Amino acid sequence: MTLLIILIAVALLFDFLNGLHDAANSIATTVSTRVLSPKYAVAWAAFFNFIAFAVFGLHVATTVVTRIVSPSVISDQVIFGAKMGGLVGAGICKTSFEAVVVKGLAKTFGAIVLSPATGFFLSLLLVLFVS
């Protein structure tokens, strides 16, 4: 029970610190360009974070839990390791490279590459359209 309480406390602390950095990154442009005041920018970001959860559900969480590392490998130690370093590394340390779900990891890497490239090309099209 003590280990569970410590794990929850570490997860909450991690989420708080991660949210702190994400909030600053997501509202920095709108505040620095004076499009929105900090108060409204934070409210705007919170609103759309909630809407994203309500509309798209738990697809990202499901991918992380089942399609990055085999669910049979997940334990308290792997969760602690994932919070301190990374899920893939923690899974590999517990068993071996067999813990990694290659197909899910490949989709994640693909999204990491395609997301900024898609944003770039869509913004380029928008600039061409506007000009």
Foldseek 3Di string as FASTA:
>chain_A
DVLVVVLVVLVVVLVVVVVVVVLCVQQVVCCVVVVDPSVVSSVVVVVVVVVCCVVVNCPVVCLLCPQFFHVVQDDSQLSVVCSVPRNCVSSCVRPHNVRGRVVSVVVVVVCVVVVVVVVVVVVVVVVVVVD
